[in-house]
Every structure is written in structure tokens, then in C-alpha cells.
C-alpha atoms as a PDB file:
ATOM      1  CA  MET A   1    -219.943  13.958 -52.385  1.00  0.00           C
ATOM      2  CA  SER A   2    -220.192  14.057 -48.614  1.00  0.00           C
ATOM      3  CA  GLU A   3    -217.581  12.726 -46.228  1.00  0.00           C
ATOM      4  CA  VAL A   4    -218.502  10.735 -43.165  1.00  0.00           C
ATOM      5  CA  GLY A   5    -216.247   9.306 -40.471  1.00  0.00           C
ATOM      6  CA  ALA A   6    -216.047   5.534 -40.024  1.00  0.00           C
ATOM      7  CA  PHE A   7    -217.565   5.659 -36.524  1.00  0.00           C
ATOM      8  CA  GLU A   8    -220.476   7.806 -37.709  1.00  0.00           C
ATOM      9  CA  ALA A   9    -220.979   5.534 -40.735  1.00  0.00           C
ATOM     10  CA  LYS A  10    -221.140   2.486 -38.478  1.00  0.00           C
ATOM     11  CA  THR A  11    -223.501   4.200 -36.046  1.00  0.00           C
ATOM     12  CA  HIS A  12    -225.858   5.548 -38.722  1.00  0.00           C
ATOM     13  CA  LEU A  13    -225.538   2.915 -41.449  1.00  0.00           C
ATOM     14  CA  PRO A  14    -229.299   2.369 -41.990  1.00  0.00           C
ATOM     15  CA  ARG A  15    -229.802   6.118 -42.423  1.00  0.00           C
ATOM     16  CA  LEU A  16    -226.853   6.362 -44.804  1.00  0.00           C
ATOM     17  CA  LEU A  17    -228.117   3.417 -46.846  1.00  0.00           C
ATOM     18  CA  LYS A  18    -231.496   5.118 -47.330  1.00  0.00           C
ATOM     19  CA  ARG A  19    -229.733   8.227 -48.609  1.00  0.00           C
ATOM     20  CA  VAL A  20    -227.561   6.114 -50.915  1.00  0.00           C
ATOM     21  CA  GLN A  21    -230.718   4.481 -52.313  1.00  0.00           C
ATOM     22  CA  GLN A  22    -231.860   7.991 -53.219  1.00  0.00           C
ATOM     23  CA  GLY A  23    -228.665   8.546 -55.204  1.00  0.00           C
ATOM     24  CA  GLU A  24    -226.294  10.162 -52.708  1.00  0.00           C
ATOM     25  CA  ARG A  25    -222.654   9.141 -52.493  1.00  0.00           C
ATOM     26  CA  PHE A  26    -220.378   9.203 -49.462  1.00  0.00           C
ATOM     27  CA  VAL A  27    -216.678   8.937 -48.828  1.00  0.00           C
ATOM     28  CA  ILE A  28    -215.986   7.129 -45.563  1.00  0.00           C
ATOM     29  CA  THR A  29    -212.921   8.406 -43.777  1.00  0.00           C
ATOM     30  CA  ARG A  30    -210.750   7.194 -40.946  1.00  0.00           C
ATOM     31  CA  HIS A  31    -208.695   9.892 -39.215  1.00  0.00           C
ATOM     32  CA  ASN A  32    -209.671  12.277 -42.044  1.00  0.00           C
ATOM     33  CA  GLN A  33    -208.193   9.949 -44.685  1.00  0.00           C
ATOM     34  CA  PRO A  34    -210.552   8.521 -47.345  1.00  0.00           C
ATOM     35  CA  VAL A  35    -210.820   4.728 -47.057  1.00  0.00           C
ATOM     36  CA  ALA A  36    -214.017   3.783 -48.897  1.00  0.00           C
ATOM     37  CA  GLU A  37    -216.786   5.081 -51.095  1.00  0.00           C
ATOM     38  CA  LEU A  38    -220.444   4.264 -50.457  1.00  0.00           C
ATOM     39  CA  ILE A  39    -222.325   4.552 -53.753  1.00  0.00           C
ATOM     40  CA  PRO A  40    -225.626   3.305 -55.181  1.00  0.00           C
ATOM     41  CA  PHE A  41    -225.514  -0.217 -56.587  1.00  0.00           C
ATOM     42  CA  ARG A  42    -225.535  -0.399 -60.368  1.00  0.00           C
ATOM     43  CA  GLN A  43    -226.642  -3.510 -62.211  1.00  0.00           C
ATOM     44  CA  ARG A  44    -224.258  -4.812 -64.846  1.00  0.00           C
ATOM     45  CA  ASP A  45    -225.425  -4.094 -68.356  1.00  0.00           C
ATOM     46  CA  ASN A  46    -224.494  -7.365 -70.051  1.00  0.00           C
ATOM     47  CA  ASP A  47    -225.615  -6.138 -73.478  1.00  0.00           C
ATOM     48  CA  ARG A  48    -223.319  -3.117 -73.221  1.00  0.00           C
ATOM     49  CA  ILE A  49    -220.416  -5.281 -72.034  1.00  0.00           C
ATOM     50  CA  ARG A  50    -220.959  -7.740 -74.907  1.00  0.00           C
ATOM     51  CA  ALA A  51    -221.098  -4.854 -77.426  1.00  0.00           C
ATOM     52  CA  ALA A  52    -217.790  -3.480 -76.091  1.00  0.00           C
ATOM     53  CA  ILE A  53    -216.120  -6.884 -76.387  1.00  0.00           C
ATOM     54  CA  ASP A  54    -217.454  -7.335 -79.912  1.00  0.00           C
ATOM     55  CA  GLY A  55    -216.178  -3.868 -80.821  1.00  0.00           C
ATOM     56  CA  LEU A  56    -212.708  -4.713 -79.527  1.00  0.00           C
ATOM     57  CA  LYS A  57    -212.681  -7.965 -81.504  1.00  0.00           C
ATOM     58  CA  LYS A  58    -213.723  -6.107 -84.656  1.00  0.00           C
ATOM     59  CA  PHE A  59    -210.964  -3.544 -84.069  1.00  0.00           C
ATOM     60  CA  GLN A  60    -208.441  -6.343 -83.586  1.00  0.00           C
ATOM     61  CA  ARG A  61    -209.393  -7.959 -86.912  1.00  0.00           C
ATOM     62  CA  LYS A  62    -208.937  -4.663 -88.802  1.00  0.00           C
ATOM     63  CA  HIS A  63    -205.688  -3.574 -87.143  1.00  0.00           C
ATOM     64  CA  SER A  64    -202.472  -5.504 -87.140  1.00  0.00           C
ATOM     65  CA  LEU A  65    -198.983  -5.122 -85.771  1.00  0.00           C
ATOM     66  CA  GLY A  66    -197.627  -6.746 -88.897  1.00  0.00           C
ATOM     67  CA  ASP A  67    -194.767  -9.080 -88.032  1.00  0.00           C
ATOM     68  CA  LEU A  68    -194.379  -7.572 -84.556  1.00  0.00           C
ATOM     69  CA  SER A  69    -195.664  -9.390 -81.523  1.00  0.00           C
ATOM     70  CA  ILE A  70    -196.586  -7.886 -78.197  1.00  0.00           C
ATOM     71  CA  ARG A  71    -194.053 -10.176 -76.496  1.00  0.00           C
ATOM     72  CA  ARG A  72    -191.267  -8.951 -78.792  1.00  0.00           C
ATOM     73  CA  MET A  73    -192.130  -5.305 -78.113  1.00  0.00           C
ATOM     74  CA  ILE A  74    -192.159  -5.931 -74.357  1.00  0.00           C
ATOM     75  CA  ASP A  75    -188.801  -7.686 -74.521  1.00  0.00           C
ATOM     76  CA  GLU A  76    -187.292  -4.865 -76.596  1.00  0.00           C
ATOM     77  CA  GLY A  77    -188.650  -2.277 -74.186  1.00  0.00           C
ATOM     78  CA  ARG A  78    -187.021  -4.018 -71.238  1.00  0.00           C
ATOM     79  CA  ARG A  79    -183.602  -3.750 -72.836  1.00  0.00           C
ATOM     80  CA  PHE A  80    -183.551   0.041 -72.440  1.00  0.00           C
END
């Protein structure tokens, strides 16, 4: 992943965007410190997201904490 300074990124944004469209990624820096990442846009895969949610729900139905609740565990953890 290439690094590019903020001033250079601003000056050459159209050129950078063309390269990003081709799959390149850039870290934009200010005073040699990373501040942003310029990456290709990725469409959300709603089917994949829905499958992950369904998988978590299925896991939740099959696994139980018994008589414990998350709130009770949090409260007990705070006591120490």
C-alpha cells in the first residue's frame, strides 16, 4: 500500500481516484502520520450479511448461558 501526503493527495486527487478504481490502495498522511486510507469502494453484500445474522441467531438458539444473564456477569465482573 502506497503512502501519499495530504497536499499531494489534494493536488492529484483525480489521478489517485483512477488508480484506486484499478484496485490500488493508499494511506494518506499528514506530517508523516497516517490519517486516512483511500481504498476501492465495495458494494454491501446483503445476502452475505443476512446469512451471517441468521447464523448468529441459530447459534443463539442452540447455546445458552443457563440461568446466567449477561447483565449479571457484567455486574459480577465490575465487583473485582
